[in-house]
Amino acid sequence: TCISFAPSHFGLQLASASNDGKVRIHQGSSTNLSEWTASSEFEPDGAGFGAYVSCISWNKNRVESPMLVVGWWRNAEPRVSSLGVWGYSVDQKKWVQVSKLEMEPDRKGTVAEVRDVDWAPSMGRPIHLIAAATGSTIQVWKLSSLVGWQERRMEPIERPAVLEMGASIPVAVWRVGWNLTGTTLAASGENGQVKMWKLDFQGQLKPHVTLEPSQ
């Protein structure tokens, strides 16, 4: 259902996810790009068969170990949607959960499926920003430095900021993405609209510009 190449400083690695509820990491050969080996795999907590791992994104920080934010959902009853951060433990030689990102319910009071996620480049910031497209909202979490995550459980600094496309009728959000400096967030809706938010000097996302389908 989704694939994502690791940042170059982690070497030639490719993360893939599918509807069997698993995330797999493949390692490529630096001398022969036709050679790939399955180096590891993990199942997000609570996912299992029948769950769709719908989106993944790598932590791009150069001083932290390999990490992925993973979103998954199950359409059958009971409907479940979840988002979490996973890191590779060298000591345990496996991927383990670093943090669970609790989502805010939508206007109907339900937690909608996670369609997309993007981990912002940190660019020297002391915190991490992770954005996800969930139902008709964009939710953004702040995480403190993840150095030393093997020794302690990491939790978001605060509840996620909830953003919407701004339409009077809720619009499903399909994609989210940060710019190269992690200071501008863009999201696209099913109505063809693209909206951007920019971080202010206090670290809050403020509406920046809206692109209409006719533009």
C-alpha atoms as a PDB file:
ATOM      1  CA  THR A   1       0.000   0.000   0.000  1.00  0.00           C
ATOM      2  CA  CYS A   2       2.976   2.337   0.438  1.00  0.00           C
ATOM      3  CA  ILE A   3       6.763   2.509   0.079  1.00  0.00           C
ATOM      4  CA  SER A   4       9.425   4.925   1.260  1.00  0.00           C
ATOM      5  CA  PHE A   5      13.197   5.096   0.716  1.00  0.00           C
ATOM      6  CA  ALA A   6      15.277   5.808   3.816  1.00  0.00           C
ATOM      7  CA  PRO A   7      17.318   9.030   4.052  1.00  0.00           C
ATOM      8  CA  SER A   8      20.681   8.577   2.343  1.00  0.00           C
ATOM      9  CA  HIS A   9      22.671   8.555   5.600  1.00  0.00           C
ATOM     10  CA  PHE A  10      20.974   5.254   6.535  1.00  0.00           C
ATOM     11  CA  GLY A  11      22.223   3.634   3.364  1.00  0.00           C
ATOM     12  CA  LEU A  12      20.164   2.037   0.634  1.00  0.00           C
ATOM     13  CA  GLN A  13      17.023   0.929   2.492  1.00  0.00           C
ATOM     14  CA  LEU A  14      13.414   0.698   1.381  1.00  0.00           C
ATOM     15  CA  ALA A  15      10.422   0.402   3.717  1.00  0.00           C
ATOM     16  CA  SER A  16       7.227  -1.106   2.343  1.00  0.00           C
ATOM     17  CA  ALA A  17       3.838  -1.836   3.856  1.00  0.00           C
ATOM     18  CA  SER A  18       0.865  -3.908   2.755  1.00  0.00           C
ATOM     19  CA  ASN A  19      -2.594  -5.066   3.739  1.00  0.00           C
ATOM     20  CA  ASP A  20      -1.255  -8.046   5.674  1.00  0.00           C
ATOM     21  CA  GLY A  21      -0.562  -5.559   8.464  1.00  0.00           C
ATOM     22  CA  LYS A  22       3.225  -5.683   8.248  1.00  0.00           C
ATOM     23  CA  VAL A  23       6.047  -3.263   7.484  1.00  0.00           C
ATOM     24  CA  ARG A  24       9.114  -4.712   5.772  1.00  0.00           C
ATOM     25  CA  ILE A  25      12.582  -3.229   5.387  1.00  0.00           C
ATOM     26  CA  HIS A  26      14.716  -4.203   2.389  1.00  0.00           C
ATOM     27  CA  GLN A  27      18.440  -3.525   2.127  1.00  0.00           C
ATOM     28  CA  GLY A  28      19.977  -2.807  -1.273  1.00  0.00           C
ATOM     29  CA  SER A  29      23.498  -3.537  -2.417  1.00  0.00           C
ATOM     30  CA  SER A  30      25.601  -0.435  -3.022  1.00  0.00           C
ATOM     31  CA  THR A  31      27.485  -2.224  -5.821  1.00  0.00           C
ATOM     32  CA  ASN A  32      24.561  -3.983  -7.515  1.00  0.00           C
ATOM     33  CA  LEU A  33      21.177  -2.268  -7.489  1.00  0.00           C
ATOM     34  CA  SER A  34      19.530  -5.497  -8.659  1.00  0.00           C
ATOM     35  CA  GLU A  35      20.331  -7.155  -5.335  1.00  0.00           C
ATOM     36  CA  TRP A  36      17.938  -6.556  -2.427  1.00  0.00           C
ATOM     37  CA  THR A  37      17.493  -8.547   0.782  1.00  0.00           C
ATOM     38  CA  ALA A  38      14.701  -8.471   3.364  1.00  0.00           C
ATOM     39  CA  SER A  39      16.570  -7.253   6.438  1.00  0.00           C
ATOM     40  CA  SER A  40      13.687  -6.970   8.930  1.00  0.00           C
ATOM     41  CA  GLU A  41       9.940  -6.698   9.367  1.00  0.00           C
ATOM     42  CA  PHE A  42       7.483  -5.771  12.093  1.00  0.00           C
ATOM     43  CA  GLU A  43       3.764  -5.618  12.718  1.00  0.00           C
ATOM     44  CA  PRO A  44       2.435  -2.380  14.221  1.00  0.00           C
ATOM     45  CA  ASP A  45       0.932  -3.017  17.624  1.00  0.00           C
ATOM     46  CA  GLY A  46      -2.689  -4.160  17.218  1.00  0.00           C
ATOM     47  CA  ALA A  47      -2.643  -4.257  13.411  1.00  0.00           C
ATOM     48  CA  GLY A  48      -2.500  -7.880  12.267  1.00  0.00           C
ATOM     49  CA  PHE A  49      -4.095  -9.483   9.234  1.00  0.00           C
ATOM     50  CA  GLY A  50      -6.949  -7.451   7.748  1.00  0.00           C
ATOM     51  CA  ALA A  51      -5.388  -4.167   8.807  1.00  0.00           C
ATOM     52  CA  TYR A  52      -4.118  -1.807   6.131  1.00  0.00           C
ATOM     53  CA  VAL A  53      -0.783  -0.180   6.866  1.00  0.00           C
ATOM     54  CA  SER A  54      -1.632   2.885   4.828  1.00  0.00           C
ATOM     55  CA  CYS A  55       1.365   5.188   5.241  1.00  0.00           C
ATOM     56  CA  ILE A  56       4.962   5.344   6.460  1.00  0.00           C
ATOM     57  CA  SER A  57       7.584   8.075   6.742  1.00  0.00           C
ATOM     58  CA  TRP A  58      11.210   8.051   7.918  1.00  0.00           C
ATOM     59  CA  ASN A  59      12.801  10.222  10.569  1.00  0.00           C
ATOM     60  CA  LYS A  60      15.281  12.355   8.618  1.00  0.00           C
ATOM     61  CA  ASN A  61      17.440  13.386  11.600  1.00  0.00           C
ATOM     62  CA  ARG A  62      21.108  12.491  11.021  1.00  0.00           C
ATOM     63  CA  VAL A  63      22.064  11.959  14.678  1.00  0.00           C
ATOM     64  CA  GLU A  64      19.223   9.618  15.628  1.00  0.00           C
ATOM     65  CA  SER A  65      18.822   5.929  14.855  1.00  0.00           C
ATOM     66  CA  PRO A  66      16.488   4.703  12.071  1.00  0.00           C
ATOM     67  CA  MET A  67      12.848   5.430  12.890  1.00  0.00           C
ATOM     68  CA  LEU A  68       9.536   5.251  11.068  1.00  0.00           C
ATOM     69  CA  VAL A  69       6.137   6.730  11.760  1.00  0.00           C
ATOM     70  CA  VAL A  70       3.481   4.214  10.702  1.00  0.00           C
ATOM     71  CA  GLY A  71      -0.238   4.699  10.162  1.00  0.00           C
ATOM     72  CA  TRP A  72      -2.720   1.860   9.829  1.00  0.00           C
ATOM     73  CA  TRP A  73      -6.459   1.228   9.958  1.00  0.00           C
ATOM     74  CA  ARG A  74      -8.983  -1.575   9.827  1.00  0.00           C
ATOM     75  CA  ASN A  75     -12.215  -1.024   7.932  1.00  0.00           C
ATOM     76  CA  ALA A  76     -14.025  -4.074   9.334  1.00  0.00           C
ATOM     77  CA  GLU A  77     -15.652  -4.039  12.747  1.00  0.00           C
ATOM     78  CA  PRO A  78     -14.351  -3.032  15.154  1.00  0.00           C
ATOM     79  CA  ARG A  79     -12.992  -0.131  13.109  1.00  0.00           C
ATOM     80  CA  VAL A  80      -9.610   0.930  14.450  1.00  0.00           C
ATOM     81  CA  SER A  81      -7.148   3.582  13.314  1.00  0.00           C
ATOM     82  CA  SER A  82      -3.720   4.121  14.819  1.00  0.00           C
ATOM     83  CA  LEU A  83      -0.447   5.970  14.379  1.00  0.00           C
ATOM     84  CA  GLY A  84       2.874   5.260  16.062  1.00  0.00           C
ATOM     85  CA  VAL A  85       6.631   5.756  15.933  1.00  0.00           C
ATOM     86  CA  TRP A  86       8.894   2.723  15.606  1.00  0.00           C
ATOM     87  CA  GLY A  87      12.661   2.575  15.973  1.00  0.00           C
ATOM     88  CA  TYR A  88      15.285  -0.030  15.186  1.00  0.00           C
ATOM     89  CA  SER A  89      17.023  -1.324  18.315  1.00  0.00           C
ATOM     90  CA  VAL A  90      20.568  -2.479  17.589  1.00  0.00           C
ATOM     91  CA  ASP A  91      20.710  -4.317  20.928  1.00  0.00           C
ATOM     92  CA  GLN A  92      17.471  -6.244  20.318  1.00  0.00           C
ATOM     93  CA  LYS A  93      18.051  -6.460  16.562  1.00  0.00           C
ATOM     94  CA  LYS A  94      14.424  -5.627  15.841  1.00  0.00           C
ATOM     95  CA  TRP A  95      11.988  -2.742  15.440  1.00  0.00           C
ATOM     96  CA  VAL A  96      10.224  -1.663  18.644  1.00  0.00           C
ATOM     97  CA  GLN A  97       7.557   0.923  19.339  1.00  0.00           C
ATOM     98  CA  VAL A  98       8.919   4.246  20.518  1.00  0.00           C
ATOM     99  CA  SER A  99       5.697   6.207  20.938  1.00  0.00           C
ATOM    100  CA  LYS A 100       1.984   5.977  20.188  1.00  0.00           C
ATOM    101  CA  LEU A 101       0.431   9.106  18.705  1.00  0.00           C
ATOM    102  CA  GLU A 102      -3.107   9.546  20.004  1.00  0.00           C
ATOM    103  CA  MET A 103      -5.446  11.054  17.426  1.00  0.00           C
ATOM    104  CA  GLU A 104      -8.207  13.549  18.024  1.00  0.00           C
ATOM    105  CA  PRO A 105     -11.737  12.569  16.868  1.00  0.00           C
ATOM    106  CA  ASP A 106     -13.327  14.359  13.908  1.00  0.00           C
ATOM    107  CA  ARG A 107     -16.531  16.425  13.911  1.00  0.00           C
ATOM    108  CA  LYS A 108     -18.575  13.220  14.146  1.00  0.00           C
ATOM    109  CA  GLY A 109     -16.664  12.125  17.217  1.00  0.00           C
ATOM    110  CA  THR A 110     -14.936   9.227  15.457  1.00  0.00           C
ATOM    111  CA  VAL A 111     -11.279   8.542  14.721  1.00  0.00           C
ATOM    112  CA  ALA A 112     -11.052   8.301  10.934  1.00  0.00           C
ATOM    113  CA  GLU A 113      -8.593   6.295   8.887  1.00  0.00           C
ATOM    114  CA  VAL A 114      -5.024   7.541   8.464  1.00  0.00           C
ATOM    115  CA  ARG A 115      -4.404   8.200   4.759  1.00  0.00           C
ATOM    116  CA  ASP A 116      -0.971   9.804   4.772  1.00  0.00           C
ATOM    117  CA  VAL A 117       1.832  10.850   7.114  1.00  0.00           C
ATOM    118  CA  ASP A 118       5.016  12.911   6.782  1.00  0.00           C
ATOM    119  CA  TRP A 119       7.858  13.401   9.262  1.00  0.00           C
ATOM    120  CA  ALA A 120       9.251  16.929   8.968  1.00  0.00           C
ATOM    121  CA  PRO A 121      12.986  17.560   8.556  1.00  0.00           C
ATOM    122  CA  SER A 122      14.172  18.835  11.954  1.00  0.00           C
ATOM    123  CA  MET A 123      16.767  21.346  10.642  1.00  0.00           C
ATOM    124  CA  GLY A 124      18.299  21.848  14.103  1.00  0.00           C
ATOM    125  CA  ARG A 125      15.008  22.180  15.984  1.00  0.00           C
ATOM    126  CA  PRO A 126      14.918  20.550  19.450  1.00  0.00           C
ATOM    127  CA  ILE A 127      11.553  18.960  18.600  1.00  0.00           C
ATOM    128  CA  HIS A 128      10.126  16.727  15.877  1.00  0.00           C
ATOM    129  CA  LEU A 129       6.981  17.523  13.884  1.00  0.00           C
ATOM    130  CA  ILE A 130       4.828  14.756  12.401  1.00  0.00           C
ATOM    131  CA  ALA A 131       1.765  15.514  10.266  1.00  0.00           C
ATOM    132  CA  ALA A 132      -0.954  13.052   9.263  1.00  0.00           C
ATOM    133  CA  ALA A 133      -4.025  13.179   7.021  1.00  0.00           C
ATOM    134  CA  THR A 134      -6.850  11.630   9.042  1.00  0.00           C
ATOM    135  CA  GLY A 135     -10.371  11.801   7.677  1.00  0.00           C
ATOM    136  CA  SER A 136     -11.231  15.475   7.136  1.00  0.00           C
ATOM    137  CA  THR A 137      -8.435  16.787   9.376  1.00  0.00           C
ATOM    138  CA  ILE A 138      -4.682  17.298   9.375  1.00  0.00           C
ATOM    139  CA  GLN A 139      -3.190  16.474  12.762  1.00  0.00           C
ATOM    140  CA  VAL A 140       0.290  17.564  13.817  1.00  0.00           C
ATOM    141  CA  TRP A 141       2.249  16.150  16.760  1.00  0.00           C
ATOM    142  CA  LYS A 142       5.309  17.548  18.511  1.00  0.00           C
ATOM    143  CA  LEU A 143       7.882  15.116  19.902  1.00  0.00           C
ATOM    144  CA  SER A 144      10.929  16.018  21.943  1.00  0.00           C
ATOM    145  CA  SER A 145      14.409  14.795  20.978  1.00  0.00           C
ATOM    146  CA  LEU A 146      14.405  11.041  20.413  1.00  0.00           C
ATOM    147  CA  VAL A 147      18.011  10.533  21.453  1.00  0.00           C
ATOM    148  CA  GLY A 148      18.076   7.776  24.084  1.00  0.00           C
ATOM    149  CA  TRP A 149      14.631   6.436  23.221  1.00  0.00           C
ATOM    150  CA  GLN A 150      15.775   2.875  24.035  1.00  0.00           C
ATOM    151  CA  GLU A 151      15.940   3.770  27.750  1.00  0.00           C
ATOM    152  CA  ARG A 152      12.625   5.576  28.111  1.00  0.00           C
ATOM    153  CA  ARG A 153       9.168   5.801  26.620  1.00  0.00           C
ATOM    154  CA  MET A 154       8.708   8.840  24.403  1.00  0.00           C
ATOM    155  CA  GLU A 155       5.415  10.705  24.518  1.00  0.00           C
ATOM    156  CA  PRO A 156       4.192  13.678  22.482  1.00  0.00           C
ATOM    157  CA  ILE A 157       4.768  17.032  24.168  1.00  0.00           C
ATOM    158  CA  GLU A 158       1.076  17.905  23.840  1.00  0.00           C
ATOM    159  CA  ARG A 159      -2.133  16.854  22.128  1.00  0.00           C
ATOM    160  CA  PRO A 160      -1.950  17.176  18.334  1.00  0.00           C
ATOM    161  CA  ALA A 161      -2.851  20.418  16.631  1.00  0.00           C
ATOM    162  CA  VAL A 162      -5.930  19.845  14.451  1.00  0.00           C
ATOM    163  CA  LEU A 163      -6.143  21.681  11.117  1.00  0.00           C
ATOM    164  CA  GLU A 164      -8.877  21.618   8.461  1.00  0.00           C
ATOM    165  CA  MET A 165      -9.099  22.644   4.835  1.00  0.00           C
ATOM    166  CA  GLY A 166     -11.476  25.424   5.812  1.00  0.00           C
ATOM    167  CA  ALA A 167     -14.578  24.353   3.863  1.00  0.00           C
ATOM    168  CA  SER A 168     -18.018  24.638   5.481  1.00  0.00           C
ATOM    169  CA  ILE A 169     -18.574  20.972   4.647  1.00  0.00           C
ATOM    170  CA  PRO A 170     -15.812  18.600   5.853  1.00  0.00           C
ATOM    171  CA  VAL A 171     -13.418  17.719   3.031  1.00  0.00           C
ATOM    172  CA  ALA A 172     -11.460  14.463   3.066  1.00  0.00           C
ATOM    173  CA  VAL A 173      -7.713  15.081   3.253  1.00  0.00           C
ATOM    174  CA  TRP A 174      -5.606  12.708   1.152  1.00  0.00           C
ATOM    175  CA  ARG A 175      -2.009  13.896   1.268  1.00  0.00           C
ATOM    176  CA  VAL A 176       0.274  15.918   3.543  1.00  0.00           C
ATOM    177  CA  GLY A 177       3.861  17.051   3.013  1.00  0.00           C
ATOM    178  CA  TRP A 178       6.516  19.289   4.587  1.00  0.00           C
ATOM    179  CA  ASN A 179       8.956  21.494   2.693  1.00  0.00           C
ATOM    180  CA  LEU A 180      12.725  20.837   2.900  1.00  0.00           C
ATOM    181  CA  THR A 181      13.161  22.981   6.024  1.00  0.00           C
ATOM    182  CA  GLY A 182      10.139  21.595   7.857  1.00  0.00           C
ATOM    183  CA  THR A 183       8.617  25.058   8.228  1.00  0.00           C
ATOM    184  CA  THR A 184       5.717  24.865   5.751  1.00  0.00           C
ATOM    185  CA  LEU A 185       3.071  22.152   5.697  1.00  0.00           C
ATOM    186  CA  ALA A 186       0.887  21.475   2.654  1.00  0.00           C
ATOM    187  CA  ALA A 187      -2.236  19.320   2.436  1.00  0.00           C
ATOM    188  CA  SER A 188      -4.507  18.341  -0.456  1.00  0.00           C
ATOM    189  CA  GLY A 189      -8.233  17.653  -0.235  1.00  0.00           C
ATOM    190  CA  GLU A 190     -10.636  15.611  -2.318  1.00  0.00           C
ATOM    191  CA  ASN A 191     -12.073  18.848  -3.739  1.00  0.00           C
ATOM    192  CA  GLY A 192      -8.771  19.596  -5.518  1.00  0.00           C
ATOM    193  CA  GLN A 193      -7.804  22.304  -3.049  1.00  0.00           C
ATOM    194  CA  VAL A 194      -4.277  22.601  -1.647  1.00  0.00           C
ATOM    195  CA  LYS A 195      -3.757  24.506   1.575  1.00  0.00           C
ATOM    196  CA  MET A 196      -0.500  25.509   3.262  1.00  0.00           C
ATOM    197  CA  TRP A 197       0.386  26.463   6.820  1.00  0.00           C
ATOM    198  CA  LYS A 198       3.592  28.123   7.981  1.00  0.00           C
ATOM    199  CA  LEU A 199       5.308  27.977  11.371  1.00  0.00           C
ATOM    200  CA  ASP A 200       5.403  31.336  13.168  1.00  0.00           C
ATOM    201  CA  PHE A 201       8.161  32.457  15.564  1.00  0.00           C
ATOM    202  CA  GLN A 202       6.322  30.665  18.420  1.00  0.00           C
ATOM    203  CA  GLY A 203       6.290  27.376  16.560  1.00  0.00           C
ATOM    204  CA  GLN A 204       2.565  27.485  15.771  1.00  0.00           C
ATOM    205  CA  LEU A 205       1.180  26.620  12.340  1.00  0.00           C
ATOM    206  CA  LYS A 206      -0.704  29.522  10.797  1.00  0.00           C
ATOM    207  CA  PRO A 207      -2.641  29.561   7.482  1.00  0.00           C
ATOM    208  CA  HIS A 208      -0.326  30.700   4.696  1.00  0.00           C
ATOM    209  CA  VAL A 209      -1.924  30.246   1.279  1.00  0.00           C
ATOM    210  CA  THR A 210      -4.744  28.304  -0.389  1.00  0.00           C
ATOM    211  CA  LEU A 211      -4.543  27.029  -3.975  1.00  0.00           C
ATOM    212  CA  GLU A 212      -7.854  26.480  -5.727  1.00  0.00           C
ATOM    213  CA  PRO A 213      -8.298  23.882  -8.518  1.00  0.00           C
ATOM    214  CA  SER A 214      -8.767  26.682 -11.080  1.00  0.00           C
ATOM    215  CA  GLN A 215      -5.417  28.301 -10.252  1.00  0.00           C
END
